[in-house]
Protein backbone atom coordinates (compact mmCIF):
# COMPACT_ATOMS: atom_id res chain seq x y z
CA MET A 1 87.06 63.34 133.24
CA PHE A 2 87.00 66.76 131.58
CA GLU A 3 89.60 69.07 133.11
CA LYS A 4 88.58 72.71 133.55
CA VAL A 5 91.56 74.92 132.76
CA ARG A 6 91.10 78.46 134.08
CA VAL A 7 91.91 81.69 132.25
CA THR A 8 92.52 84.64 134.56
CA THR A 9 90.36 87.74 134.08
CA GLY A 10 93.09 90.24 134.93
CA ILE A 11 91.10 91.39 137.98
CA PRO A 12 92.56 89.47 140.94
CA TYR A 13 89.57 89.69 143.31
CA LEU A 14 87.24 88.56 140.54
CA ASP A 15 89.48 85.56 139.87
CA ALA A 16 89.28 84.62 143.56
CA LEU A 17 85.48 84.67 143.40
CA THR A 18 85.30 82.45 140.30
CA GLN A 19 87.71 79.61 141.17
CA GLY A 20 90.48 81.18 139.11
CA GLY A 21 88.65 82.96 136.29
CA PHE A 22 86.90 81.93 133.09
CA ILE A 23 86.97 78.34 131.89
CA LYS A 24 89.34 78.03 128.94
CA GLY A 25 87.41 77.99 125.66
CA SER A 26 84.25 79.45 127.21
CA THR A 27 82.04 82.31 126.04
CA ASN A 28 81.46 84.93 128.72
CA LEU A 29 78.99 87.82 128.68
CA VAL A 30 79.69 91.17 130.35
CA ILE A 31 76.45 93.10 130.34
CA GLY A 32 75.36 96.52 131.58
CA PRO A 33 74.71 100.20 130.83
CA ALA A 34 77.07 102.80 129.38
CA GLY A 35 79.74 103.90 131.85
CA ALA A 36 79.71 100.74 133.93
CA GLY A 37 83.21 99.69 132.84
CA LYS A 38 82.46 96.90 130.36
CA THR A 39 85.24 97.81 127.93
CA ILE A 40 87.66 98.15 130.84
CA CYS A 41 86.80 94.57 131.86
CA GLY A 42 87.63 93.45 128.35
CA LEU A 43 90.94 95.31 128.35
CA HIS A 44 91.91 93.82 131.73
CA PHE A 45 91.29 90.38 130.20
CA LEU A 46 93.36 91.06 127.06
CA LEU A 47 96.28 92.76 128.81
CA GLU A 48 96.44 89.98 131.40
CA GLY A 49 96.75 87.51 128.54
CA ALA A 50 99.51 89.54 126.90
CA LYS A 51 101.51 89.43 130.13
CA LYS A 52 101.14 85.63 130.09
CA ASN A 53 102.19 85.42 126.42
CA GLU A 54 98.62 84.61 125.36
CA ASN A 55 97.73 86.59 122.24
CA GLY A 56 94.47 88.52 122.26
CA LEU A 57 92.02 89.99 119.76
CA LEU A 58 89.73 92.97 120.28
CA VAL A 59 86.87 93.12 117.77
CA ALA A 60 85.79 96.77 117.87
CA MET A 61 82.17 97.02 116.69
CA GLN A 62 81.24 100.52 117.85
CA GLU A 63 84.12 102.61 119.23
CA PRO A 64 87.17 102.72 116.90
CA PRO A 65 90.41 101.09 118.11
CA TRP A 66 92.32 104.40 118.21
CA ALA A 67 89.71 105.83 120.63
CA ILE A 68 89.79 102.72 122.82
CA ARG A 69 93.59 102.94 123.07
CA ARG A 70 93.44 106.68 123.76
CA ASP A 71 90.99 106.25 126.63
CA ALA A 72 92.75 103.17 127.99
CA SER A 73 96.07 105.03 128.22
CA ASN A 74 94.79 106.58 131.47
CA PHE A 75 95.05 103.23 133.24
CA THR A 76 98.24 101.88 134.78
CA PHE A 77 97.56 98.31 133.62
CA PHE A 78 97.42 99.40 129.95
CA ASP A 79 100.64 99.04 127.94
CA HIS A 80 100.73 100.29 124.33
CA ASN A 81 103.75 98.07 123.65
CA TYR A 82 101.46 95.06 123.43
CA PHE A 83 99.77 96.61 120.36
CA VAL A 84 102.88 96.99 118.20
CA GLU A 85 105.10 94.41 116.52
CA PRO A 86 105.18 91.73 117.63
CA GLU A 87 101.48 92.28 118.42
CA LYS A 88 100.26 90.53 121.55
CA VAL A 89 96.86 92.24 121.19
CA VAL A 90 95.35 92.66 117.71
CA MET A 91 92.51 95.14 117.13
CA LEU A 92 90.02 94.73 114.27
CA ASP A 93 87.93 97.74 113.29
CA PHE A 94 84.33 96.88 112.33
CA THR A 95 82.91 100.20 113.53
CA PRO A 96 80.30 102.29 111.70
CA SER A 97 81.28 105.36 109.72
CA GLY A 98 78.86 108.19 110.41
CA TRP A 99 75.29 107.05 109.77
CA GLU A 100 76.39 104.59 107.10
CA LEU A 101 76.89 101.59 109.37
CA TRP A 102 78.57 98.91 107.33
CA ASP A 103 79.18 98.05 103.71
CA PRO A 104 79.34 94.24 103.42
CA ASP A 105 81.23 94.58 100.14
CA SER A 106 84.10 96.24 102.00
CA LEU A 107 85.00 92.86 103.50
CA SER A 108 86.22 89.90 101.51
CA TYR A 109 86.40 86.18 102.09
CA ALA A 110 87.48 83.19 100.05
CA GLU A 111 85.19 82.18 97.22
CA GLY A 112 83.30 79.02 98.03
CA SER A 113 83.80 79.29 101.80
CA GLU A 114 80.94 77.80 103.78
CA MET A 115 78.23 80.27 104.84
CA ILE A 116 78.33 79.14 108.44
CA LEU A 117 75.80 81.71 109.60
CA GLU A 118 73.24 80.82 106.95
CA ALA A 119 70.35 78.82 108.38
CA GLU A 120 66.89 77.72 107.34
CA GLY A 121 64.54 80.69 107.29
CA VAL A 122 67.35 83.27 107.38
CA PRO A 123 67.40 85.44 104.24
CA TYR A 124 70.64 85.74 102.34
CA ASP A 125 71.79 88.24 99.74
CA GLU A 126 74.89 90.31 99.16
CA THR A 127 73.70 93.20 101.34
CA SER A 128 72.18 91.19 104.18
CA LEU A 129 73.19 91.13 107.81
CA PRO A 130 73.98 87.37 107.62
CA THR A 131 76.42 88.12 104.82
CA PHE A 132 78.08 90.89 106.82
CA LEU A 133 78.39 88.73 109.93
CA HIS A 134 79.78 85.83 107.95
CA LYS A 135 82.46 88.06 106.49
CA VAL A 136 83.27 89.42 109.95
CA PHE A 137 83.48 85.88 111.30
CA TYR A 138 85.66 84.72 108.41
CA HIS A 139 88.08 87.60 108.98
CA ILE A 140 88.15 86.93 112.73
CA SER A 141 88.88 83.24 112.15
CA GLU A 142 91.75 84.09 109.79
CA VAL A 143 93.34 86.43 112.35
CA ILE A 144 92.90 83.88 115.15
CA GLU A 145 94.68 81.23 113.09
CA GLU A 146 97.43 83.53 111.79
CA LYS A 147 98.20 85.24 115.11
CA LYS A 148 97.52 82.19 117.32
CA ILE A 149 94.91 84.11 119.31
CA GLU A 150 93.74 82.63 122.62
CA ARG A 151 91.61 85.47 124.05
CA VAL A 152 88.89 87.40 122.19
CA VAL A 153 86.83 90.43 123.21
CA ILE A 154 83.82 91.53 121.11
CA ASP A 155 82.95 95.13 121.98
CA PRO A 156 80.01 95.37 121.81
CA LEU A 157 78.13 92.36 120.56
CA ALA A 158 75.03 94.55 120.26
CA ALA A 159 76.42 96.89 117.60
CA PHE A 160 75.34 94.88 114.56
CA ARG A 161 71.72 95.06 115.77
CA PHE A 162 71.49 98.53 114.30
CA TYR A 163 71.75 97.02 110.84
CA ASP A 164 68.41 96.93 109.02
CA TYR A 165 66.77 93.61 109.92
CA GLY A 166 63.12 94.72 109.79
CA ASN A 167 62.53 94.44 113.58
CA ASP A 168 62.43 90.66 113.27
CA TYR A 169 63.73 89.72 116.72
CA GLY A 170 63.54 85.99 116.05
CA PHE A 171 65.79 86.46 113.03
CA LEU A 172 68.25 88.59 114.99
CA ARG A 173 68.28 86.18 117.91
CA LYS A 174 69.18 83.34 115.53
CA LEU A 175 72.05 85.40 114.15
CA THR A 176 73.30 86.47 117.58
CA THR A 177 73.42 82.95 118.99
CA GLY A 178 74.83 81.60 115.72
CA PHE A 179 77.60 84.19 115.70
CA LEU A 180 78.63 83.36 119.28
CA THR A 181 78.46 79.62 118.60
CA ASN A 182 80.78 80.02 115.64
CA ILE A 183 83.26 82.10 117.66
CA ALA A 184 83.22 79.42 120.38
CA SER A 185 84.08 76.77 117.77
CA LEU A 186 87.46 78.48 117.24
CA ASN A 187 88.69 77.21 120.64
CA VAL A 188 89.27 80.64 122.14
CA THR A 189 88.13 82.17 125.42
CA THR A 190 85.72 84.96 124.59
CA VAL A 191 84.36 87.98 126.44
CA ALA A 192 81.31 89.37 124.63
CA ILE A 193 80.16 92.79 125.77
CA SER A 194 76.44 93.51 125.65
CA GLU A 195 74.67 96.80 126.23
CA LEU A 196 71.52 97.23 128.31
CA ALA A 197 70.11 100.35 129.93
CA SER A 198 70.12 98.41 133.22
CA SER A 199 71.45 95.01 134.19
CA SER A 200 68.00 94.20 135.60
CA GLU A 201 66.72 94.08 132.03
CA GLN A 202 66.98 91.01 129.82
CA SER A 203 68.13 91.01 126.23
CA LEU A 204 65.77 89.82 123.50
CA PHE A 205 68.59 88.31 121.49
CA GLY A 206 69.52 85.13 123.33
CA GLU A 207 73.15 85.72 124.21
CA GLU A 208 72.39 85.03 127.90
CA TYR A 209 71.40 81.45 127.05
CA ILE A 210 74.42 80.53 124.98
CA ALA A 211 76.97 82.24 127.25
CA ASP A 212 78.84 80.08 129.74
CA SER A 213 78.92 82.91 132.26
CA ILE A 214 77.14 86.23 132.76
CA PHE A 215 78.60 89.18 134.64
CA HIS A 216 76.12 92.01 135.27
CA LEU A 217 77.56 95.48 135.81
CA ASP A 218 75.30 98.29 136.96
CA MET A 219 75.28 101.77 138.45
CA LEU A 220 73.03 102.98 141.24
CA SER A 221 72.49 106.30 142.96
CA VAL A 222 72.90 105.86 146.73
CA ARG A 223 72.41 108.97 148.86
CA GLY A 224 73.36 111.13 145.90
CA GLU A 225 76.51 109.15 145.11
CA LEU A 226 77.09 106.95 142.05
CA VAL A 227 77.77 103.36 143.11
CA ARG A 228 78.94 100.65 140.73
CA ILE A 229 77.95 97.05 141.44
CA LEU A 230 78.65 93.66 139.89
CA ARG A 231 76.90 90.33 140.27
CA ILE A 232 77.52 86.97 138.64
CA SER A 233 74.20 85.41 137.66
CA LYS A 234 75.60 82.40 135.82
CA MET A 235 78.90 80.55 135.51
CA ARG A 236 78.75 76.98 134.31
CA GLY A 237 80.89 74.48 136.16
CA THR A 238 81.93 77.03 138.76
CA ASN A 239 81.14 77.58 142.42
CA HIS A 240 81.04 81.36 142.04
CA SER A 241 80.10 84.13 144.42
CA THR A 242 76.41 85.09 144.48
CA LYS A 243 76.99 88.34 146.33
CA THR A 244 76.40 91.83 144.94
CA LEU A 245 79.88 93.31 144.79
CA ARG A 246 80.83 96.98 144.82
CA TYR A 247 83.67 98.24 142.66
CA LYS A 248 85.34 101.47 141.62
CA ILE A 249 87.03 102.57 138.42
CA THR A 250 90.40 104.05 139.36
CA ASN A 251 93.75 104.64 137.64
CA ASN A 252 94.34 100.93 138.21
CA GLY A 253 91.17 100.02 136.33
CA ILE A 254 88.44 98.05 138.08
CA THR A 255 89.03 97.73 141.82
CA PHE A 256 86.60 95.88 144.07
CA ILE A 257 85.58 97.33 147.42
CA GLU A 258 85.70 94.69 150.08
CA PRO A 259 83.42 95.22 153.13
CA GLU A 260 86.31 96.11 155.43
CA ASP A 261 87.36 98.87 152.99
CA GLU A 262 84.04 100.71 153.24
């Protein structure tokens, strides 16, 4: 019988609602609009791992690592010591530079390495998005092996969609699901952050279908006050909560509001 080993999220109440956290080796989607706390969720996950001597990797695709660390320094759970030698949390910078998003030639990988992301019907040339993503994946896999990474956060998964792909959503969906599948093959527990204007929307790019769990974060205006809510719409192999949960972002990071606290 397959044993489900749990990986704690770093948010105690959320762990209690999910039978102990994410399943080890799973791919988990945190989805929602700007300001909902998606990056904070990812940092909770990585810092929790560092405390447990589980090395983590943050793949920064939009906001540069120095800015993430600067903003995160406001939270009590964040410890800069985990980002220096010996690194417990490694940060890779794949962010755009001004309007020039990415130069695939700026990344390198071993000659003759398998183009894992190449698939039938997907164009390939030296300046293509598949080439860029393969090089990103190759670099990620090298760091995971070298640093013995167990936890990965991709923030955000959506960033490479701004690359020129000719508005071919079928093509981009194939790349998105292929990229996540390849990350999953590295035997790490992954949190992939995805951006939507509202968690009631659905992405066109297929990450919801390949993800083992989906956590929707959203913000509502209730009687003139901003209210943050979370719901778990999917978590394979888990008897998870189906309630809509309220939470706050405080100096301690994400804190859930239980009914008796309201």
